[in-house]
């Protein structure tokens, strides 16, 4: 299933090299997600890591100052143990304001 959503991307990273003769090409983005409001013991937001199809998804983001608002395309597929979510494309929309820290 293909899903496209607008969200706040807090950061990104990638690795495209070989280690001991094995080639690796991967990336990840970190998306801000709200906690479930029906859970009384949790409030606010968390940052969740999502795996990307490859480093080419992430490399265009590396020149931006994070956080950014972006349109994120994901492919969700069922597996034996649940579901797998892979980010296939990220398009920057605008610079995002950082979520303010909670006052203590």
N, C-alpha and C. Protein backbone atom coordinates (compact mmCIF):
# COMPACT_ATOMS: atom_id res chain seq x y z
N UNK A 1 0.84 -1.16 0.00
CA UNK A 1 0.00 0.00 0.00
C UNK A 1 0.90 1.24 0.00
N UNK A 2 0.56 2.19 -0.84
CA UNK A 2 1.33 3.43 -0.95
C UNK A 2 0.63 4.52 -0.13
N UNK A 3 1.39 5.21 0.72
CA UNK A 3 0.86 6.27 1.57
C UNK A 3 1.71 7.52 1.36
N UNK A 4 1.05 8.66 1.27
CA UNK A 4 1.75 9.94 1.16
C UNK A 4 1.20 10.84 2.26
N UNK A 5 2.10 11.44 3.04
CA UNK A 5 1.65 12.33 4.11
C UNK A 5 2.63 13.49 4.29
N UNK A 6 2.11 14.57 4.86
CA UNK A 6 2.93 15.72 5.19
C UNK A 6 3.29 15.62 6.66
N UNK A 7 4.57 15.74 6.97
CA UNK A 7 5.00 15.59 8.36
C UNK A 7 6.26 16.41 8.61
N UNK A 8 6.66 16.46 9.87
CA UNK A 8 7.88 17.17 10.26
C UNK A 8 9.02 16.17 10.32
N UNK A 9 10.04 16.41 9.51
CA UNK A 9 11.24 15.56 9.50
C UNK A 9 12.28 16.25 10.37
N UNK A 10 12.70 15.57 11.43
CA UNK A 10 13.63 16.15 12.40
C UNK A 10 15.10 15.95 12.03
N UNK A 11 15.37 14.95 11.17
CA UNK A 11 16.74 14.68 10.78
C UNK A 11 16.80 13.53 9.79
N UNK A 12 17.99 13.26 9.26
CA UNK A 12 18.17 12.20 8.26
C UNK A 12 19.62 11.74 8.28
N UNK A 13 19.83 10.54 7.78
CA UNK A 13 21.18 10.00 7.68
C UNK A 13 21.23 8.91 6.63
N UNK A 14 22.43 8.62 6.14
CA UNK A 14 22.57 7.55 5.15
C UNK A 14 23.96 6.93 5.23
N UNK A 15 24.07 5.76 4.62
CA UNK A 15 25.35 5.08 4.48
C UNK A 15 25.37 4.45 3.10
N UNK A 16 26.39 4.77 2.31
CA UNK A 16 26.53 4.20 0.97
C UNK A 16 28.00 3.90 0.74
N UNK A 17 28.39 2.70 1.13
CA UNK A 17 29.79 2.30 1.04
C UNK A 17 29.85 0.78 1.13
N UNK A 18 31.04 0.25 1.18
CA UNK A 18 31.19 -1.20 1.36
C UNK A 18 32.02 -1.46 2.60
N UNK A 19 31.69 -2.55 3.25
CA UNK A 19 32.40 -3.00 4.44
C UNK A 19 32.80 -4.45 4.21
N UNK A 20 34.09 -4.69 4.23
CA UNK A 20 34.64 -6.03 4.02
C UNK A 20 34.08 -6.67 2.75
N UNK A 21 34.00 -5.86 1.67
CA UNK A 21 33.57 -6.37 0.38
C UNK A 21 32.07 -6.43 0.18
N UNK A 22 31.28 -6.12 1.18
CA UNK A 22 29.82 -6.13 1.05
C UNK A 22 29.33 -4.69 0.90
N UNK A 23 28.56 -4.43 -0.18
CA UNK A 23 28.05 -3.09 -0.44
C UNK A 23 26.79 -2.83 0.38
N UNK A 24 26.72 -1.64 0.95
CA UNK A 24 25.55 -1.20 1.72
C UNK A 24 25.08 0.13 1.14
N UNK A 25 23.78 0.26 0.96
CA UNK A 25 23.19 1.50 0.46
C UNK A 25 21.85 1.68 1.18
N UNK A 26 21.86 2.47 2.25
CA UNK A 26 20.63 2.64 3.01
C UNK A 26 20.55 4.05 3.57
N UNK A 27 19.37 4.39 4.04
CA UNK A 27 19.15 5.70 4.63
C UNK A 27 18.02 5.62 5.63
N UNK A 28 17.90 6.66 6.43
CA UNK A 28 16.81 6.73 7.38
C UNK A 28 16.45 8.20 7.60
N UNK A 29 15.17 8.41 7.88
CA UNK A 29 14.72 9.75 8.26
C UNK A 29 14.04 9.63 9.62
N UNK A 30 14.01 10.74 10.32
CA UNK A 30 13.45 10.77 11.66
C UNK A 30 12.27 11.73 11.65
N UNK A 31 11.07 11.18 11.91
CA UNK A 31 9.82 11.91 11.79
C UNK A 31 9.21 12.15 13.16
N UNK A 32 8.71 13.36 13.36
CA UNK A 32 8.01 13.71 14.60
C UNK A 32 6.59 13.17 14.53
N UNK A 33 6.19 12.42 15.56
CA UNK A 33 4.84 11.86 15.63
C UNK A 33 4.24 12.15 17.00
N UNK A 34 2.93 12.48 17.04
CA UNK A 34 2.30 12.72 18.33
C UNK A 34 2.02 11.41 19.06
N UNK A 35 2.02 11.47 20.38
CA UNK A 35 1.61 10.31 21.17
C UNK A 35 0.10 10.15 21.03
N UNK A 36 -0.38 8.95 21.26
CA UNK A 36 -1.80 8.64 21.23
C UNK A 36 -2.51 9.44 22.32
N UNK A 37 -3.44 10.33 21.95
CA UNK A 37 -4.09 11.18 22.96
C UNK A 37 -4.99 10.41 23.93
N UNK A 38 -5.33 9.17 23.61
CA UNK A 38 -6.17 8.38 24.51
C UNK A 38 -5.36 7.77 25.66
N UNK A 39 -4.04 7.87 25.59
CA UNK A 39 -3.18 7.34 26.65
C UNK A 39 -2.88 8.46 27.65
N UNK A 40 -3.43 8.38 28.86
CA UNK A 40 -3.27 9.49 29.81
C UNK A 40 -1.85 9.67 30.34
N UNK A 41 -0.99 8.66 30.22
CA UNK A 41 0.36 8.76 30.77
C UNK A 41 1.37 9.33 29.78
N UNK A 42 0.94 9.65 28.55
CA UNK A 42 1.85 10.17 27.53
C UNK A 42 1.26 11.44 26.93
N UNK A 43 2.11 12.45 26.76
CA UNK A 43 1.69 13.69 26.13
C UNK A 43 2.84 14.19 25.25
N UNK A 44 2.47 14.90 24.20
CA UNK A 44 3.50 15.51 23.37
C UNK A 44 3.85 14.69 22.14
N UNK A 45 5.14 14.70 21.80
CA UNK A 45 5.61 14.11 20.55
C UNK A 45 6.81 13.20 20.80
N UNK A 46 7.04 12.31 19.86
CA UNK A 46 8.23 11.47 19.87
C UNK A 46 8.82 11.51 18.46
N UNK A 47 10.08 11.14 18.34
CA UNK A 47 10.73 11.07 17.03
C UNK A 47 10.94 9.60 16.68
N UNK A 48 10.45 9.22 15.49
CA UNK A 48 10.48 7.82 15.06
C UNK A 48 11.38 7.68 13.83
N UNK A 49 12.23 6.67 13.84
CA UNK A 49 13.12 6.40 12.71
C UNK A 49 12.40 5.54 11.67
N UNK A 50 12.48 5.94 10.41
CA UNK A 50 11.92 5.16 9.30
C UNK A 50 13.04 4.84 8.33
N UNK A 51 13.09 3.60 7.88
CA UNK A 51 14.09 3.19 6.90
C UNK A 51 13.68 3.68 5.51
N UNK A 52 14.69 4.04 4.72
CA UNK A 52 14.46 4.50 3.35
C UNK A 52 14.86 3.42 2.36
N UNK A 53 14.33 3.54 1.15
CA UNK A 53 14.62 2.59 0.09
C UNK A 53 16.12 2.47 -0.15
N UNK A 54 16.81 3.63 -0.20
CA UNK A 54 18.26 3.67 -0.36
C UNK A 54 18.75 5.07 -0.01
N UNK A 55 20.04 5.29 -0.15
CA UNK A 55 20.61 6.59 0.22
C UNK A 55 20.16 7.71 -0.69
N UNK A 56 19.73 7.39 -1.92
CA UNK A 56 19.29 8.43 -2.86
C UNK A 56 18.04 9.16 -2.35
N UNK A 57 17.26 8.52 -1.50
CA UNK A 57 16.09 9.17 -0.92
C UNK A 57 16.52 10.27 0.05
N UNK A 58 17.61 10.05 0.76
CA UNK A 58 18.05 10.94 1.83
C UNK A 58 19.01 12.03 1.35
N UNK A 59 19.87 11.73 0.41
CA UNK A 59 20.93 12.67 0.00
C UNK A 59 20.42 14.07 -0.36
N UNK A 60 19.29 14.23 -1.05
CA UNK A 60 18.83 15.59 -1.37
C UNK A 60 18.46 16.41 -0.13
N UNK A 61 18.21 15.77 1.00
CA UNK A 61 17.82 16.48 2.21
C UNK A 61 19.01 17.00 3.01
N UNK A 62 20.19 16.53 2.71
CA UNK A 62 21.34 16.78 3.58
C UNK A 62 21.79 18.25 3.59
N UNK A 63 21.35 19.05 2.63
CA UNK A 63 21.73 20.46 2.62
C UNK A 63 20.76 21.35 3.38
N UNK A 64 19.64 20.79 3.85
CA UNK A 64 18.64 21.58 4.55
C UNK A 64 18.95 21.67 6.04
N UNK A 65 18.47 22.73 6.67
CA UNK A 65 18.52 22.87 8.12
C UNK A 65 17.27 22.20 8.68
N UNK A 66 17.43 21.26 9.54
CA UNK A 66 16.29 20.56 10.14
C UNK A 66 15.82 21.31 11.37
N UNK A 67 14.55 21.18 11.74
CA UNK A 67 13.50 20.35 11.15
C UNK A 67 12.90 20.99 9.90
N UNK A 68 12.32 20.14 9.04
CA UNK A 68 11.64 20.61 7.83
C UNK A 68 10.25 19.98 7.78
N UNK A 69 9.35 20.66 7.08
CA UNK A 69 8.06 20.07 6.75
C UNK A 69 8.24 19.45 5.38
N UNK A 70 7.83 18.19 5.23
CA UNK A 70 8.06 17.48 3.97
C UNK A 70 6.88 16.58 3.62
N UNK A 71 6.76 16.33 2.33
CA UNK A 71 5.80 15.35 1.85
C UNK A 71 6.57 14.03 1.76
N UNK A 72 6.13 13.05 2.53
CA UNK A 72 6.84 11.77 2.63
C UNK A 72 5.99 10.67 2.02
N UNK A 73 6.57 9.94 1.06
CA UNK A 73 5.89 8.80 0.44
C UNK A 73 6.45 7.53 1.06
N UNK A 74 5.54 6.64 1.48
CA UNK A 74 5.93 5.39 2.13
C UNK A 74 5.23 4.21 1.46
N UNK A 75 5.91 3.11 1.46
CA UNK A 75 5.34 1.85 0.99
C UNK A 75 5.18 0.96 2.21
N UNK A 76 3.95 0.54 2.48
CA UNK A 76 3.66 -0.31 3.64
C UNK A 76 3.28 -1.69 3.12
N UNK A 77 3.98 -2.70 3.61
CA UNK A 77 3.67 -4.07 3.19
C UNK A 77 3.56 -4.97 4.41
N UNK A 78 2.70 -5.97 4.30
CA UNK A 78 2.49 -6.92 5.39
C UNK A 78 3.61 -7.95 5.40
N UNK A 79 4.05 -8.29 6.60
CA UNK A 79 5.04 -9.35 6.77
C UNK A 79 4.48 -10.37 7.74
N UNK A 80 5.21 -11.42 7.95
CA UNK A 80 4.76 -12.46 8.86
C UNK A 80 4.64 -11.94 10.29
N UNK A 81 5.44 -10.96 10.65
CA UNK A 81 5.47 -10.45 12.02
C UNK A 81 4.87 -9.05 12.16
N UNK A 82 4.06 -8.63 11.22
CA UNK A 82 3.47 -7.30 11.33
C UNK A 82 3.49 -6.58 10.00
N UNK A 83 4.13 -5.42 9.98
CA UNK A 83 4.23 -4.66 8.74
C UNK A 83 5.61 -4.04 8.60
N UNK A 84 5.96 -3.76 7.36
CA UNK A 84 7.23 -3.12 7.05
C UNK A 84 6.92 -1.79 6.36
N UNK A 85 7.55 -0.73 6.83
CA UNK A 85 7.35 0.60 6.25
C UNK A 85 8.68 1.07 5.68
N UNK A 86 8.69 1.38 4.38
CA UNK A 86 9.88 1.86 3.70
C UNK A 86 9.56 3.21 3.06
N UNK A 87 10.37 4.23 3.36
CA UNK A 87 10.20 5.55 2.75
C UNK A 87 10.79 5.49 1.35
N UNK A 88 9.98 5.88 0.36
CA UNK A 88 10.42 5.82 -1.04
C UNK A 88 10.76 7.18 -1.62
N UNK A 89 10.22 8.26 -1.02
CA UNK A 89 10.50 9.60 -1.55
C UNK A 89 10.20 10.64 -0.47
N UNK A 90 11.03 11.68 -0.41
CA UNK A 90 10.81 12.79 0.51
C UNK A 90 10.99 14.09 -0.27
N UNK A 91 9.97 14.96 -0.20
CA UNK A 91 10.03 16.25 -0.89
C UNK A 91 9.86 17.36 0.14
N UNK A 92 10.88 18.20 0.28
CA UNK A 92 10.81 19.29 1.24
C UNK A 92 9.75 20.29 0.80
N UNK A 93 8.93 20.74 1.77
CA UNK A 93 7.93 21.76 1.51
C UNK A 93 8.39 23.10 2.07
N UNK A 94 8.84 23.09 3.32
CA UNK A 94 9.23 24.34 3.98
C UNK A 94 10.03 24.03 5.23
N UNK A 95 10.68 25.03 5.75
CA UNK A 95 11.35 24.90 7.05
C UNK A 95 10.27 24.80 8.12
N UNK A 96 10.46 23.93 9.08
CA UNK A 96 9.49 23.75 10.16
C UNK A 96 10.00 24.42 11.42
N UNK A 97 9.09 24.89 12.21
CA UNK A 97 9.44 25.42 13.51
C UNK A 97 9.66 24.25 14.44
N UNK A 98 10.67 24.30 15.25
CA UNK A 98 10.93 23.25 16.22
C UNK A 98 9.80 23.22 17.23
N UNK A 99 9.45 22.03 17.67
CA UNK A 99 8.42 21.89 18.70
C UNK A 99 8.98 22.47 20.01
N UNK A 100 8.27 23.40 20.63
CA UNK A 100 8.81 23.99 21.86
C UNK A 100 8.87 22.97 22.98
N UNK A 101 9.88 23.09 23.80
CA UNK A 101 10.02 22.18 24.94
C UNK A 101 8.94 22.48 25.97
N UNK A 102 8.50 21.44 26.65
CA UNK A 102 7.48 21.61 27.69
C UNK A 102 8.07 22.39 28.86
N UNK A 103 7.29 23.29 29.43
CA UNK A 103 7.73 24.05 30.59
C UNK A 103 7.58 23.18 31.84
N UNK A 104 8.60 23.19 32.65
CA UNK A 104 8.57 22.36 33.86
C UNK A 104 8.30 23.22 35.06
